[in-house]
Amino acid sequence: MTPSIAPRFILRWEPAQQAHLLLFPEGVVKLNGSAGEILALCDGRRSAPEIIDALQQKFDAPDGVIAEGVYRFFSEAESKGWVLT
């Protein structure tokens, strides 16, 4: 699985809101911090385990803690059409 943001969406950091936004023709979704961090790594080149590893290193988290949340996020984001896996 090499997740990427679906073509109709654009991920953008909005300094005024201090949040990542997911822009699409019909509107915008303001993402929470975790969702923004995950989607920022979804470039279509990194595998899910590589994304998890990058997040574990960035946040100095123990093994397994981040993985469960990332896979749960991917499932939900895929069902909303935000990511392609």
PDB file of N, CA and C in Angstrom:
ATOM      1  N   MET A   1       0.842  -1.174   0.000  1.00  0.00           N
ATOM      2  CA  MET A   1       0.000   0.000   0.000  1.00  0.00           C
ATOM      3  C   MET A   1       0.888   1.238   0.000  1.00  0.00           C
ATOM      4  N   THR A   2       0.736   2.057  -1.039  1.00  0.00           N
ATOM      5  CA  THR A   2       1.442   3.338  -1.116  1.00  0.00           C
ATOM      6  C   THR A   2       0.398   4.441  -1.250  1.00  0.00           C
ATOM      7  N   PRO A   3      -0.106   4.917  -0.142  1.00  0.00           N
ATOM      8  CA  PRO A   3      -1.194   5.895  -0.170  1.00  0.00           C
ATOM      9  C   PRO A   3      -0.794   7.211  -0.815  1.00  0.00           C
ATOM     10  N   SER A   4      -1.749   7.776  -1.538  1.00  0.00           N
ATOM     11  CA  SER A   4      -1.567   9.111  -2.108  1.00  0.00           C
ATOM     12  C   SER A   4      -2.885   9.862  -1.973  1.00  0.00           C
ATOM     13  N   ILE A   5      -2.796  11.164  -1.957  1.00  0.00           N
ATOM     14  CA  ILE A   5      -3.998  11.983  -1.888  1.00  0.00           C
ATOM     15  C   ILE A   5      -4.700  11.903  -3.236  1.00  0.00           C
ATOM     16  N   ALA A   6      -5.994  11.689  -3.210  1.00  0.00           N
ATOM     17  CA  ALA A   6      -6.780  11.576  -4.444  1.00  0.00           C
ATOM     18  C   ALA A   6      -6.611  12.857  -5.273  1.00  0.00           C
ATOM     19  N   PRO A   7      -6.589  12.710  -6.604  1.00  0.00           N
ATOM     20  CA  PRO A   7      -6.295  13.845  -7.486  1.00  0.00           C
ATOM     21  C   PRO A   7      -7.199  15.071  -7.316  1.00  0.00           C
ATOM     22  N   ARG A   8      -8.423  14.886  -6.891  1.00  0.00           N
ATOM     23  CA  ARG A   8      -9.317  16.046  -6.783  1.00  0.00           C
ATOM     24  C   ARG A   8      -9.102  16.852  -5.504  1.00  0.00           C
ATOM     25  N   PHE A   9      -8.182  16.402  -4.655  1.00  0.00           N
ATOM     26  CA  PHE A   9      -7.915  17.078  -3.386  1.00  0.00           C
ATOM     27  C   PHE A   9      -6.527  17.703  -3.389  1.00  0.00           C
ATOM     28  N   ILE A  10      -6.395  18.802  -2.669  1.00  0.00           N
ATOM     29  CA  ILE A  10      -5.100  19.467  -2.473  1.00  0.00           C
ATOM     30  C   ILE A  10      -4.912  19.668  -0.978  1.00  0.00           C
ATOM     31  N   LEU A  11      -3.777  19.231  -0.470  1.00  0.00           N
ATOM     32  CA  LEU A  11      -3.450  19.424   0.936  1.00  0.00           C
ATOM     33  C   LEU A  11      -2.634  20.703   1.064  1.00  0.00           C
ATOM     34  N   ARG A  12      -3.049  21.569   1.967  1.00  0.00           N
ATOM     35  CA  ARG A  12      -2.349  22.838   2.148  1.00  0.00           C
ATOM     36  C   ARG A  12      -2.281  23.187   3.629  1.00  0.00           C
ATOM     37  N   TRP A  13      -1.113  23.684   4.058  1.00  0.00           N
ATOM     38  CA  TRP A  13      -0.966  24.192   5.421  1.00  0.00           C
ATOM     39  C   TRP A  13      -1.466  25.626   5.427  1.00  0.00           C
ATOM     40  N   GLU A  14      -2.334  25.949   6.354  1.00  0.00           N
ATOM     41  CA  GLU A  14      -2.882  27.295   6.476  1.00  0.00           C
ATOM     42  C   GLU A  14      -2.354  27.928   7.764  1.00  0.00           C
ATOM     43  N   PRO A  15      -1.357  28.812   7.646  1.00  0.00           N
ATOM     44  CA  PRO A  15      -0.753  29.405   8.840  1.00  0.00           C
ATOM     45  C   PRO A  15      -1.760  30.147   9.726  1.00  0.00           C
ATOM     46  N   ALA A  16      -2.715  30.835   9.122  1.00  0.00           N
ATOM     47  CA  ALA A  16      -3.673  31.605   9.912  1.00  0.00           C
ATOM     48  C   ALA A  16      -4.507  30.702  10.821  1.00  0.00           C
ATOM     49  N   GLN A  17      -4.792  29.484  10.355  1.00  0.00           N
ATOM     50  CA  GLN A  17      -5.585  28.546  11.148  1.00  0.00           C
ATOM     51  C   GLN A  17      -4.717  27.552  11.913  1.00  0.00           C
ATOM     52  N   GLN A  18      -3.417  27.573  11.629  1.00  0.00           N
ATOM     53  CA  GLN A  18      -2.482  26.623  12.243  1.00  0.00           C
ATOM     54  C   GLN A  18      -2.974  25.196  12.055  1.00  0.00           C
ATOM     55  N   ALA A  19      -3.380  24.898  10.800  1.00  0.00           N
ATOM     56  CA  ALA A  19      -3.922  23.575  10.507  1.00  0.00           C
ATOM     57  C   ALA A  19      -3.737  23.255   9.029  1.00  0.00           C
ATOM     58  N   HIS A  20      -3.709  21.950   8.742  1.00  0.00           N
ATOM     59  CA  HIS A  20      -3.747  21.500   7.363  1.00  0.00           C
ATOM     60  C   HIS A  20      -5.194  21.550   6.887  1.00  0.00           C
ATOM     61  N   LEU A  21      -5.365  21.956   5.638  1.00  0.00           N
ATOM     62  CA  LEU A  21      -6.681  21.963   5.009  1.00  0.00           C
ATOM     63  C   LEU A  21      -6.646  21.038   3.810  1.00  0.00           C
ATOM     64  N   LEU A  22      -7.725  20.338   3.598  1.00  0.00           N
ATOM     65  CA  LEU A  22      -7.878  19.491   2.429  1.00  0.00           C
ATOM     66  C   LEU A  22      -8.890  20.198   1.533  1.00  0.00           C
ATOM     67  N   LEU A  23      -8.382  20.754   0.433  1.00  0.00           N
ATOM     68  CA  LEU A  23      -9.210  21.536  -0.475  1.00  0.00           C
ATOM     69  C   LEU A  23      -9.720  20.657  -1.607  1.00  0.00           C
ATOM     70  N   PHE A  24     -10.962  20.896  -2.018  1.00  0.00           N
ATOM     71  CA  PHE A  24     -11.545  20.184  -3.152  1.00  0.00           C
ATOM     72  C   PHE A  24     -12.588  21.103  -3.771  1.00  0.00           C
ATOM     73  N   PRO A  25     -13.031  20.811  -5.002  1.00  0.00           N
ATOM     74  CA  PRO A  25     -13.910  21.753  -5.704  1.00  0.00           C
ATOM     75  C   PRO A  25     -15.154  22.175  -4.921  1.00  0.00           C
ATOM     76  N   GLU A  26     -15.722  21.286  -4.132  1.00  0.00           N
ATOM     77  CA  GLU A  26     -16.962  21.601  -3.423  1.00  0.00           C
ATOM     78  C   GLU A  26     -16.744  22.237  -2.055  1.00  0.00           C
ATOM     79  N   GLY A  27     -15.509  22.312  -1.589  1.00  0.00           N
ATOM     80  CA  GLY A  27     -15.308  22.880  -0.264  1.00  0.00           C
ATOM     81  C   GLY A  27     -13.937  22.629   0.309  1.00  0.00           C
ATOM     82  N   VAL A  28     -13.911  22.556   1.630  1.00  0.00           N
ATOM     83  CA  VAL A  28     -12.655  22.408   2.357  1.00  0.00           C
ATOM     84  C   VAL A  28     -12.923  21.626   3.641  1.00  0.00           C
ATOM     85  N   VAL A  29     -11.927  20.838   4.034  1.00  0.00           N
ATOM     86  CA  VAL A  29     -11.981  20.120   5.294  1.00  0.00           C
ATOM     87  C   VAL A  29     -10.785  20.582   6.120  1.00  0.00           C
ATOM     88  N   LYS A  30     -11.057  21.082   7.323  1.00  0.00           N
ATOM     89  CA  LYS A  30      -9.982  21.434   8.246  1.00  0.00           C
ATOM     90  C   LYS A  30      -9.624  20.164   9.009  1.00  0.00           C
ATOM     91  N   LEU A  31      -8.379  19.737   8.864  1.00  0.00           N
ATOM     92  CA  LEU A  31      -7.929  18.486   9.455  1.00  0.00           C
ATOM     93  C   LEU A  31      -7.380  18.690  10.859  1.00  0.00           C
ATOM     94  N   ASN A  32      -7.557  17.680  11.702  1.00  0.00           N
ATOM     95  CA  ASN A  32      -6.900  17.747  13.003  1.00  0.00           C
ATOM     96  C   ASN A  32      -5.405  17.488  12.793  1.00  0.00           C
ATOM     97  N   GLY A  33      -4.630  17.685  13.822  1.00  0.00           N
ATOM     98  CA  GLY A  33      -3.175  17.566  13.700  1.00  0.00           C
ATOM     99  C   GLY A  33      -2.709  16.214  13.199  1.00  0.00           C
ATOM    100  N   SER A  34      -3.288  15.148  13.719  1.00  0.00           N
ATOM    101  CA  SER A  34      -2.878  13.802  13.320  1.00  0.00           C
ATOM    102  C   SER A  34      -3.167  13.549  11.846  1.00  0.00           C
ATOM    103  N   ALA A  35      -4.363  13.901  11.414  1.00  0.00           N
ATOM    104  CA  ALA A  35      -4.743  13.682  10.013  1.00  0.00           C
ATOM    105  C   ALA A  35      -3.831  14.474   9.076  1.00  0.00           C
ATOM    106  N   GLY A  36      -3.526  15.711   9.443  1.00  0.00           N
ATOM    107  CA  GLY A  36      -2.638  16.529   8.621  1.00  0.00           C
ATOM    108  C   GLY A  36      -1.244  15.947   8.522  1.00  0.00           C
ATOM    109  N   GLU A  37      -0.721  15.454   9.645  1.00  0.00           N
ATOM    110  CA  GLU A  37       0.620  14.849   9.639  1.00  0.00           C
ATOM    111  C   GLU A  37       0.653  13.608   8.750  1.00  0.00           C
ATOM    112  N   ILE A  38      -0.378  12.793   8.830  1.00  0.00           N
ATOM    113  CA  ILE A  38      -0.429  11.573   8.017  1.00  0.00           C
ATOM    114  C   ILE A  38      -0.543  11.922   6.540  1.00  0.00           C
ATOM    115  N   LEU A  39      -1.499  12.786   6.188  1.00  0.00           N
ATOM    116  CA  LEU A  39      -1.700  13.115   4.775  1.00  0.00           C
ATOM    117  C   LEU A  39      -0.488  13.820   4.168  1.00  0.00           C
ATOM    118  N   ALA A  40       0.229  14.577   4.965  1.00  0.00           N
ATOM    119  CA  ALA A  40       1.423  15.256   4.456  1.00  0.00           C
ATOM    120  C   ALA A  40       2.473  14.254   3.964  1.00  0.00           C
ATOM    121  N   LEU A  41       2.417  13.028   4.461  1.00  0.00           N
ATOM    122  CA  LEU A  41       3.381  11.996   4.059  1.00  0.00           C
ATOM    123  C   LEU A  41       2.851  11.091   2.940  1.00  0.00           C
ATOM    124  N   CYS A  42       1.619  11.283   2.547  1.00  0.00           N
ATOM    125  CA  CYS A  42       1.000  10.436   1.512  1.00  0.00           C
ATOM    126  C   CYS A  42       1.334  10.984   0.132  1.00  0.00           C
ATOM    127  N   ASP A  43       2.502  10.624  -0.350  1.00  0.00           N
ATOM    128  CA  ASP A  43       2.980  11.145  -1.631  1.00  0.00           C
ATOM    129  C   ASP A  43       2.935  10.114  -2.757  1.00  0.00           C
ATOM    130  N   GLY A  44       2.417   8.935  -2.485  1.00  0.00           N
ATOM    131  CA  GLY A  44       2.355   7.898  -3.511  1.00  0.00           C
ATOM    132  C   GLY A  44       3.663   7.155  -3.716  1.00  0.00           C
ATOM    133  N   ARG A  45       4.696   7.550  -2.989  1.00  0.00           N
ATOM    134  CA  ARG A  45       6.002   6.870  -3.084  1.00  0.00           C
ATOM    135  C   ARG A  45       6.307   6.086  -1.816  1.00  0.00           C
ATOM    136  N   ARG A  46       5.810   6.571  -0.680  1.00  0.00           N
ATOM    137  CA  ARG A  46       6.067   5.917   0.600  1.00  0.00           C
ATOM    138  C   ARG A  46       4.985   4.881   0.878  1.00  0.00           C
ATOM    139  N   SER A  47       5.417   3.765   1.372  1.00  0.00           N
ATOM    140  CA  SER A  47       4.460   2.736   1.779  1.00  0.00           C
ATOM    141  C   SER A  47       3.871   3.121   3.135  1.00  0.00           C
ATOM    142  N   ALA A  48       2.789   2.460   3.494  1.00  0.00           N
ATOM    143  CA  ALA A  48       2.183   2.712   4.811  1.00  0.00           C
ATOM    144  C   ALA A  48       3.192   2.461   5.938  1.00  0.00           C
ATOM    145  N   PRO A  49       3.962   1.349   5.898  1.00  0.00           N
ATOM    146  CA  PRO A  49       4.959   1.159   6.962  1.00  0.00           C
ATOM    147  C   PRO A  49       6.018   2.267   7.003  1.00  0.00           C
ATOM    148  N   GLU A  50       6.380   2.809   5.846  1.00  0.00           N
ATOM    149  CA  GLU A  50       7.352   3.915   5.825  1.00  0.00           C
ATOM    150  C   GLU A  50       6.752   5.183   6.434  1.00  0.00           C
ATOM    151  N   ILE A  51       5.476   5.426   6.173  1.00  0.00           N
ATOM    152  CA  ILE A  51       4.796   6.577   6.763  1.00  0.00           C
ATOM    153  C   ILE A  51       4.732   6.416   8.283  1.00  0.00           C
ATOM    154  N   ILE A  52       4.382   5.224   8.730  1.00  0.00           N
ATOM    155  CA  ILE A  52       4.317   4.949  10.164  1.00  0.00           C
ATOM    156  C   ILE A  52       5.684   5.142  10.803  1.00  0.00           C
ATOM    157  N   ASP A  53       6.726   4.639  10.168  1.00  0.00           N
ATOM    158  CA  ASP A  53       8.085   4.786  10.692  1.00  0.00           C
ATOM    159  C   ASP A  53       8.469   6.262  10.804  1.00  0.00           C
ATOM    160  N   ALA A  54       8.147   7.046   9.774  1.00  0.00           N
ATOM    161  CA  ALA A  54       8.464   8.484   9.802  1.00  0.00           C
ATOM    162  C   ALA A  54       7.749   9.177  10.955  1.00  0.00           C
ATOM    163  N   LEU A  55       6.494   8.821  11.185  1.00  0.00           N
ATOM    164  CA  LEU A  55       5.736   9.422  12.280  1.00  0.00           C
ATOM    165  C   LEU A  55       6.267   8.981  13.644  1.00  0.00           C
ATOM    166  N   GLN A  56       6.656   7.702  13.754  1.00  0.00           N
ATOM    167  CA  GLN A  56       7.222   7.224  15.023  1.00  0.00           C
ATOM    168  C   GLN A  56       8.516   7.961  15.344  1.00  0.00           C
ATOM    169  N   GLN A  57       9.332   8.199  14.326  1.00  0.00           N
ATOM    170  CA  GLN A  57      10.578   8.922  14.550  1.00  0.00           C
ATOM    171  C   GLN A  57      10.313  10.386  14.907  1.00  0.00           C
ATOM    172  N   LYS A  58       9.386  11.002  14.195  1.00  0.00           N
ATOM    173  CA  LYS A  58       9.093  12.418  14.429  1.00  0.00           C
ATOM    174  C   LYS A  58       8.546  12.656  15.831  1.00  0.00           C
ATOM    175  N   PHE A  59       7.688  11.753  16.288  1.00  0.00           N
ATOM    176  CA  PHE A  59       7.037  11.953  17.578  1.00  0.00           C
ATOM    177  C   PHE A  59       7.595  11.069  18.685  1.00  0.00           C
ATOM    178  N   ASP A  60       8.666  10.345  18.381  1.00  0.00           N
ATOM    179  CA  ASP A  60       9.337   9.482  19.361  1.00  0.00           C
ATOM    180  C   ASP A  60       8.327   8.598  20.100  1.00  0.00           C
ATOM    181  N   ALA A  61       7.493   7.934  19.303  1.00  0.00           N
ATOM    182  CA  ALA A  61       6.428   7.093  19.860  1.00  0.00           C
ATOM    183  C   ALA A  61       6.863   5.632  19.889  1.00  0.00           C
ATOM    184  N   PRO A  62       6.363   4.871  20.846  1.00  0.00           N
ATOM    185  CA  PRO A  62       6.685   3.441  20.895  1.00  0.00           C
ATOM    186  C   PRO A  62       6.065   2.689  19.714  1.00  0.00           C
ATOM    187  N   ASP A  63       6.669   1.578  19.360  1.00  0.00           N
ATOM    188  CA  ASP A  63       6.165   0.753  18.261  1.00  0.00           C
ATOM    189  C   ASP A  63       4.711   0.375  18.499  1.00  0.00           C
ATOM    190  N   GLY A  64       3.952   0.395  17.439  1.00  0.00           N
ATOM    191  CA  GLY A  64       2.570  -0.063  17.498  1.00  0.00           C
ATOM    192  C   GLY A  64       1.555   1.006  17.858  1.00  0.00           C
ATOM    193  N   VAL A  65       1.965   2.003  18.603  1.00  0.00           N
ATOM    194  CA  VAL A  65       1.018   3.038  19.037  1.00  0.00           C
ATOM    195  C   VAL A  65       0.502   3.826  17.837  1.00  0.00           C
ATOM    196  N   ILE A  66       1.399   4.235  16.981  1.00  0.00           N
ATOM    197  CA  ILE A  66       1.013   5.047  15.831  1.00  0.00           C
ATOM    198  C   ILE A  66       0.389   4.185  14.737  1.00  0.00           C
ATOM    199  N   ALA A  67       0.893   2.987  14.549  1.00  0.00           N
ATOM    200  CA  ALA A  67       0.428   2.132  13.451  1.00  0.00           C
ATOM    201  C   ALA A  67      -1.077   1.915  13.475  1.00  0.00           C
ATOM    202  N   GLU A  68      -1.625   1.605  14.613  1.00  0.00           N
ATOM    203  CA  GLU A  68      -3.066   1.344  14.707  1.00  0.00           C
ATOM    204  C   GLU A  68      -3.877   2.558  14.257  1.00  0.00           C
ATOM    205  N   GLY A  69      -3.482   3.732  14.720  1.00  0.00           N
ATOM    206  CA  GLY A  69      -4.193   4.954  14.340  1.00  0.00           C
ATOM    207  C   GLY A  69      -4.050   5.293  12.871  1.00  0.00           C
ATOM    208  N   VAL A  70      -2.871   5.056  12.320  1.00  0.00           N
ATOM    209  CA  VAL A  70      -2.640   5.356  10.905  1.00  0.00           C
ATOM    210  C   VAL A  70      -3.497   4.447  10.022  1.00  0.00           C
ATOM    211  N   TYR A  71      -3.517   3.166  10.320  1.00  0.00           N
ATOM    212  CA  TYR A  71      -4.336   2.255   9.507  1.00  0.00           C
ATOM    213  C   TYR A  71      -5.826   2.562   9.658  1.00  0.00           C
ATOM    214  N   ARG A  72      -6.236   2.949  10.838  1.00  0.00           N
ATOM    215  CA  ARG A  72      -7.638   3.329  11.045  1.00  0.00           C
ATOM    216  C   ARG A  72      -7.953   4.596  10.233  1.00  0.00           C
ATOM    217  N   PHE A  73      -7.005   5.557  10.246  1.00  0.00           N
ATOM    218  CA  PHE A  73      -7.189   6.778   9.463  1.00  0.00           C
ATOM    219  C   PHE A  73      -7.272   6.458   7.972  1.00  0.00           C
ATOM    220  N   PHE A  74      -6.361   5.603   7.474  1.00  0.00           N
ATOM    221  CA  PHE A  74      -6.391   5.258   6.052  1.00  0.00           C
ATOM    222  C   PHE A  74      -7.729   4.647   5.656  1.00  0.00           C
ATOM    223  N   SER A  75      -8.263   3.797   6.493  1.00  0.00           N
ATOM    224  CA  SER A  75      -9.558   3.168   6.198  1.00  0.00           C
ATOM    225  C   SER A  75     -10.653   4.222   6.067  1.00  0.00           C
ATOM    226  N   GLU A  76     -10.687   5.149   7.009  1.00  0.00           N
ATOM    227  CA  GLU A  76     -11.706   6.199   6.970  1.00  0.00           C
ATOM    228  C   GLU A  76     -11.473   7.161   5.813  1.00  0.00           C
ATOM    229  N   ALA A  77     -10.224   7.567   5.605  1.00  0.00           N
ATOM    230  CA  ALA A  77      -9.908   8.513   4.538  1.00  0.00           C
ATOM    231  C   ALA A  77     -10.193   7.910   3.161  1.00  0.00           C
ATOM    232  N   GLU A  78      -9.940   6.621   3.019  1.00  0.00           N
ATOM    233  CA  GLU A  78     -10.237   5.958   1.751  1.00  0.00           C
ATOM    234  C   GLU A  78     -11.751   5.906   1.520  1.00  0.00           C
ATOM    235  N   SER A  79     -12.520   5.656   2.559  1.00  0.00           N
ATOM    236  CA  SER A  79     -13.974   5.600   2.413  1.00  0.00           C
ATOM    237  C   SER A  79     -14.552   6.971   2.049  1.00  0.00           C
ATOM    238  N   LYS A  80     -13.860   8.044   2.437  1.00  0.00           N
ATOM    239  CA  LYS A  80     -14.302   9.398   2.092  1.00  0.00           C
ATOM    240  C   LYS A  80     -13.753   9.866   0.741  1.00  0.00           C
ATOM    241  N   GLY A  81     -12.897   9.035   0.146  1.00  0.00           N
ATOM    242  CA  GLY A  81     -12.317   9.378  -1.147  1.00  0.00           C
ATOM    243  C   GLY A  81     -11.119  10.297  -1.080  1.00  0.00           C
ATOM    244  N   TRP A  82     -10.594  10.547   0.119  1.00  0.00           N
ATOM    245  CA  TRP A  82      -9.464  11.439   0.279  1.00  0.00           C
ATOM    246  C   TRP A  82      -8.159  10.827  -0.214  1.00  0.00           C
ATOM    247  N   VAL A  83      -7.980   9.525  -0.001  1.00  0.00           N
ATOM    248  CA  VAL A  83      -6.728   8.876  -0.374  1.00  0.00           C
ATOM    249  C   VAL A  83      -6.989   7.681  -1.281  1.00  0.00           C
ATOM    250  N   LEU A  84      -5.989   7.399  -2.058  1.00  0.00           N
ATOM    251  CA  LEU A  84      -5.963   6.179  -2.879  1.00  0.00           C
ATOM    252  C   LEU A  84      -4.879   5.300  -2.294  1.00  0.00           C
ATOM    253  N   THR A  85      -5.190   4.013  -2.143  1.00  0.00           N
ATOM    254  CA  THR A  85      -4.193   3.104  -1.585  1.00  0.00           C
ATOM    255  C   THR A  85      -3.829   2.030  -2.593  1.00  0.00           C
TER     256      THR A  85
END
